[in-house]
Amino acid sequence: MICEYGMETYRFTCHHCDHTWTIEYQVRYATDSEGSPWTFHYREGSPAASPVAGTIVCDHCRHTHVGAHLDARRYLPARQPDIEPSTPN
């Protein structure tokens, strides 16, 4: 599996009260052994639904008809595996 990491900022707009806000997600982009792409979203280190899945609720009016727009995406350097320092015998 090939993985890349990034940050995505989404702008949300409530279609009921016109309130707008942004949320930043940590993202892992993966390609499985068959070449299929997968995207995993996280907020504050915890798994989160995709921002475009239609599960966002407006904090102002609690309406669920909220639009999502990707404002920014930046890729992060690949993570290196944790390597314990070797100790002399």
N, C-alpha and C. Protein backbone atom coordinates (compact mmCIF):
# COMPACT_ATOMS: atom_id res chain seq x y z
N MET A 1 0.85 -1.17 0.00
CA MET A 1 0.00 0.00 0.00
C MET A 1 0.90 1.24 0.00
N ILE A 2 0.59 2.14 -0.89
CA ILE A 2 1.32 3.39 -0.99
C ILE A 2 0.53 4.46 -0.25
N CYS A 3 1.19 5.22 0.65
CA CYS A 3 0.50 6.25 1.43
C CYS A 3 1.18 7.60 1.29
N GLU A 4 0.38 8.62 1.20
CA GLU A 4 0.84 10.00 1.28
C GLU A 4 -0.01 10.68 2.35
N TYR A 5 0.52 11.77 2.89
CA TYR A 5 -0.18 12.48 3.96
C TYR A 5 -0.35 13.94 3.57
N GLY A 6 -1.39 14.55 4.09
CA GLY A 6 -1.62 15.94 3.77
C GLY A 6 -2.59 16.59 4.74
N MET A 7 -2.84 17.86 4.47
CA MET A 7 -3.81 18.65 5.22
C MET A 7 -4.77 19.25 4.19
N GLU A 8 -6.05 19.21 4.50
CA GLU A 8 -7.06 19.82 3.63
C GLU A 8 -7.92 20.75 4.47
N THR A 9 -8.18 21.93 3.93
CA THR A 9 -9.06 22.89 4.58
C THR A 9 -10.33 23.01 3.75
N TYR A 10 -11.45 22.78 4.40
CA TYR A 10 -12.75 22.87 3.73
C TYR A 10 -13.52 24.06 4.27
N ARG A 11 -14.22 24.75 3.36
CA ARG A 11 -15.12 25.84 3.74
C ARG A 11 -16.55 25.29 3.63
N PHE A 12 -17.30 25.44 4.69
CA PHE A 12 -18.68 24.97 4.73
C PHE A 12 -19.62 26.15 4.72
N THR A 13 -20.75 26.00 4.02
CA THR A 13 -21.77 27.03 3.97
C THR A 13 -23.12 26.38 4.22
N CYS A 14 -23.83 26.89 5.21
CA CYS A 14 -25.17 26.40 5.50
C CYS A 14 -26.13 27.01 4.47
N HIS A 15 -26.89 26.17 3.80
CA HIS A 15 -27.84 26.65 2.79
C HIS A 15 -29.16 27.12 3.42
N HIS A 16 -29.23 27.04 4.74
CA HIS A 16 -30.44 27.49 5.44
C HIS A 16 -30.24 28.90 6.02
N CYS A 17 -29.10 29.11 6.73
CA CYS A 17 -28.88 30.42 7.38
C CYS A 17 -27.68 31.19 6.82
N ASP A 18 -26.98 30.63 5.84
CA ASP A 18 -25.81 31.25 5.17
C ASP A 18 -24.58 31.39 6.06
N HIS A 19 -24.56 30.74 7.20
CA HIS A 19 -23.37 30.74 8.06
C HIS A 19 -22.24 30.00 7.33
N THR A 20 -21.01 30.53 7.41
CA THR A 20 -19.86 29.87 6.80
C THR A 20 -18.78 29.65 7.86
N TRP A 21 -18.01 28.58 7.70
CA TRP A 21 -16.91 28.27 8.60
C TRP A 21 -15.94 27.33 7.89
N THR A 22 -14.75 27.21 8.44
CA THR A 22 -13.75 26.32 7.86
C THR A 22 -13.31 25.29 8.90
N ILE A 23 -12.92 24.13 8.40
CA ILE A 23 -12.38 23.06 9.23
C ILE A 23 -11.18 22.48 8.50
N GLU A 24 -10.11 22.23 9.26
CA GLU A 24 -8.91 21.62 8.70
C GLU A 24 -8.88 20.14 9.06
N TYR A 25 -8.60 19.31 8.09
CA TYR A 25 -8.53 17.87 8.27
C TYR A 25 -7.12 17.37 7.98
N GLN A 26 -6.68 16.38 8.74
CA GLN A 26 -5.48 15.65 8.40
C GLN A 26 -5.96 14.52 7.48
N VAL A 27 -5.20 14.24 6.42
CA VAL A 27 -5.66 13.29 5.43
C VAL A 27 -4.56 12.29 5.09
N ARG A 28 -4.98 11.04 4.92
CA ARG A 28 -4.05 10.01 4.43
C ARG A 28 -4.61 9.53 3.10
N TYR A 29 -3.80 9.64 2.06
CA TYR A 29 -4.16 9.18 0.73
C TYR A 29 -3.45 7.85 0.52
N ALA A 30 -4.19 6.80 0.18
CA ALA A 30 -3.59 5.48 0.03
C ALA A 30 -4.04 4.87 -1.30
N THR A 31 -3.17 4.03 -1.84
CA THR A 31 -3.49 3.24 -3.02
C THR A 31 -3.25 1.79 -2.65
N ASP A 32 -4.28 0.97 -2.82
CA ASP A 32 -4.13 -0.43 -2.43
C ASP A 32 -3.39 -1.22 -3.51
N SER A 33 -3.19 -2.50 -3.28
CA SER A 33 -2.41 -3.34 -4.19
C SER A 33 -3.05 -3.49 -5.56
N GLU A 34 -4.33 -3.18 -5.67
CA GLU A 34 -5.02 -3.26 -6.96
C GLU A 34 -5.07 -1.91 -7.68
N GLY A 35 -4.47 -0.89 -7.06
CA GLY A 35 -4.43 0.44 -7.66
C GLY A 35 -5.62 1.33 -7.34
N SER A 36 -6.50 0.87 -6.46
CA SER A 36 -7.67 1.68 -6.09
C SER A 36 -7.29 2.74 -5.06
N PRO A 37 -7.71 4.00 -5.28
CA PRO A 37 -7.39 5.06 -4.32
C PRO A 37 -8.34 5.06 -3.13
N TRP A 38 -7.80 5.38 -1.96
CA TRP A 38 -8.57 5.50 -0.72
C TRP A 38 -8.14 6.79 -0.04
N THR A 39 -9.08 7.49 0.57
CA THR A 39 -8.78 8.71 1.31
C THR A 39 -9.37 8.58 2.71
N PHE A 40 -8.54 8.83 3.72
CA PHE A 40 -8.97 8.75 5.11
C PHE A 40 -8.82 10.12 5.75
N HIS A 41 -9.89 10.64 6.35
CA HIS A 41 -9.88 11.96 6.98
C HIS A 41 -9.82 11.81 8.50
N TYR A 42 -9.11 12.75 9.13
CA TYR A 42 -8.96 12.78 10.59
C TYR A 42 -9.12 14.21 11.06
N ARG A 43 -9.69 14.37 12.26
CA ARG A 43 -9.76 15.67 12.93
C ARG A 43 -9.18 15.47 14.32
N GLU A 44 -8.17 16.25 14.62
CA GLU A 44 -7.50 16.19 15.92
C GLU A 44 -7.07 14.76 16.24
N GLY A 45 -6.61 14.04 15.22
CA GLY A 45 -6.08 12.69 15.41
C GLY A 45 -7.10 11.58 15.42
N SER A 46 -8.39 11.90 15.38
CA SER A 46 -9.43 10.87 15.40
C SER A 46 -10.05 10.72 14.01
N PRO A 47 -10.44 9.51 13.63
CA PRO A 47 -11.08 9.32 12.32
C PRO A 47 -12.32 10.19 12.19
N ALA A 48 -12.53 10.71 10.99
CA ALA A 48 -13.68 11.59 10.73
C ALA A 48 -14.31 11.20 9.40
N ALA A 49 -15.58 11.45 9.26
CA ALA A 49 -16.26 11.22 7.98
C ALA A 49 -15.71 12.19 6.95
N SER A 50 -15.78 11.80 5.71
CA SER A 50 -15.36 12.70 4.63
C SER A 50 -16.17 13.99 4.73
N PRO A 51 -15.53 15.14 4.54
CA PRO A 51 -16.26 16.41 4.64
C PRO A 51 -17.33 16.57 3.56
N VAL A 52 -17.25 15.79 2.50
CA VAL A 52 -18.25 15.90 1.43
C VAL A 52 -19.28 14.77 1.51
N ALA A 53 -19.32 14.03 2.62
CA ALA A 53 -20.25 12.91 2.77
C ALA A 53 -21.66 13.35 3.14
N GLY A 54 -21.85 14.63 3.43
CA GLY A 54 -23.18 15.12 3.77
C GLY A 54 -23.56 14.93 5.23
N THR A 55 -22.57 14.78 6.09
CA THR A 55 -22.85 14.56 7.52
C THR A 55 -22.60 15.79 8.39
N ILE A 56 -22.21 16.91 7.78
CA ILE A 56 -21.92 18.13 8.53
C ILE A 56 -23.22 18.82 8.93
N VAL A 57 -23.28 19.31 10.17
CA VAL A 57 -24.45 20.02 10.69
C VAL A 57 -24.02 21.45 11.04
N CYS A 58 -24.84 22.42 10.68
CA CYS A 58 -24.56 23.82 10.98
C CYS A 58 -24.62 24.05 12.49
N ASP A 59 -23.59 24.66 13.05
CA ASP A 59 -23.55 24.97 14.48
C ASP A 59 -24.55 26.06 14.87
N HIS A 60 -24.93 26.89 13.90
CA HIS A 60 -25.83 28.00 14.22
C HIS A 60 -27.30 27.60 14.24
N CYS A 61 -27.73 26.87 13.21
CA CYS A 61 -29.16 26.57 13.11
C CYS A 61 -29.47 25.07 13.14
N ARG A 62 -28.43 24.24 13.22
CA ARG A 62 -28.55 22.78 13.29
C ARG A 62 -29.12 22.17 12.00
N HIS A 63 -29.11 22.93 10.93
CA HIS A 63 -29.60 22.44 9.65
C HIS A 63 -28.56 21.51 9.04
N THR A 64 -29.00 20.54 8.25
CA THR A 64 -28.07 19.57 7.67
C THR A 64 -27.80 19.80 6.19
N HIS A 65 -28.41 20.81 5.60
CA HIS A 65 -28.15 21.12 4.19
C HIS A 65 -26.95 22.06 4.12
N VAL A 66 -25.75 21.46 4.19
CA VAL A 66 -24.50 22.22 4.26
C VAL A 66 -23.64 21.85 3.06
N GLY A 67 -23.14 22.85 2.37
CA GLY A 67 -22.24 22.64 1.25
C GLY A 67 -20.80 22.67 1.70
N ALA A 68 -19.95 21.86 1.05
CA ALA A 68 -18.52 21.80 1.38
C ALA A 68 -17.71 22.15 0.14
N HIS A 69 -16.68 22.96 0.34
CA HIS A 69 -15.79 23.35 -0.75
C HIS A 69 -14.35 23.22 -0.27
N LEU A 70 -13.53 22.49 -1.02
CA LEU A 70 -12.11 22.36 -0.69
C LEU A 70 -11.42 23.68 -0.97
N ASP A 71 -10.91 24.33 0.08
CA ASP A 71 -10.22 25.61 -0.05
C ASP A 71 -8.72 25.45 -0.27
N ALA A 72 -8.11 24.47 0.40
CA ALA A 72 -6.66 24.32 0.31
C ALA A 72 -6.27 22.88 0.58
N ARG A 73 -5.20 22.45 -0.09
CA ARG A 73 -4.63 21.13 0.15
C ARG A 73 -3.11 21.27 0.10
N ARG A 74 -2.46 20.69 1.10
CA ARG A 74 -0.99 20.66 1.05
C ARG A 74 -0.53 19.28 1.49
N TYR A 75 0.44 18.79 0.75
CA TYR A 75 0.99 17.47 1.05
C TYR A 75 2.10 17.61 2.08
N LEU A 76 2.21 16.63 2.94
CA LEU A 76 3.24 16.61 3.98
C LEU A 76 4.32 15.61 3.59
N PRO A 77 5.53 15.79 4.10
CA PRO A 77 6.59 14.82 3.81
C PRO A 77 6.17 13.43 4.28
N ALA A 78 6.63 12.43 3.57
CA ALA A 78 6.31 11.04 3.95
C ALA A 78 6.81 10.76 5.35
N ARG A 79 6.02 10.02 6.10
CA ARG A 79 6.42 9.65 7.45
C ARG A 79 7.47 8.55 7.38
N GLN A 80 8.43 8.67 8.25
CA GLN A 80 9.48 7.67 8.34
C GLN A 80 9.12 6.68 9.43
N PRO A 81 9.44 5.39 9.23
CA PRO A 81 9.15 4.44 10.32
C PRO A 81 9.97 4.77 11.54
N ASP A 82 9.39 4.46 12.71
CA ASP A 82 10.12 4.67 13.96
C ASP A 82 11.28 3.69 14.02
N ILE A 83 12.45 4.22 14.22
CA ILE A 83 13.65 3.39 14.31
C ILE A 83 14.27 3.62 15.67
N GLU A 84 14.43 2.56 16.42
CA GLU A 84 15.07 2.68 17.72
C GLU A 84 16.57 2.74 17.53
N PRO A 85 17.23 3.62 18.26
CA PRO A 85 18.69 3.70 18.13
C PRO A 85 19.33 2.41 18.59
N SER A 86 20.34 2.01 17.87
CA SER A 86 21.02 0.77 18.26
C SER A 86 21.94 1.05 19.46
N THR A 87 22.07 0.07 20.30
CA THR A 87 22.94 0.21 21.47
C THR A 87 24.11 -0.74 21.32
N PRO A 88 25.31 -0.30 21.66
CA PRO A 88 26.48 -1.18 21.53
C PRO A 88 26.38 -2.32 22.55
N ASN A 89 26.86 -3.49 22.14
CA ASN A 89 26.87 -4.65 23.02
C ASN A 89 28.04 -4.66 23.95
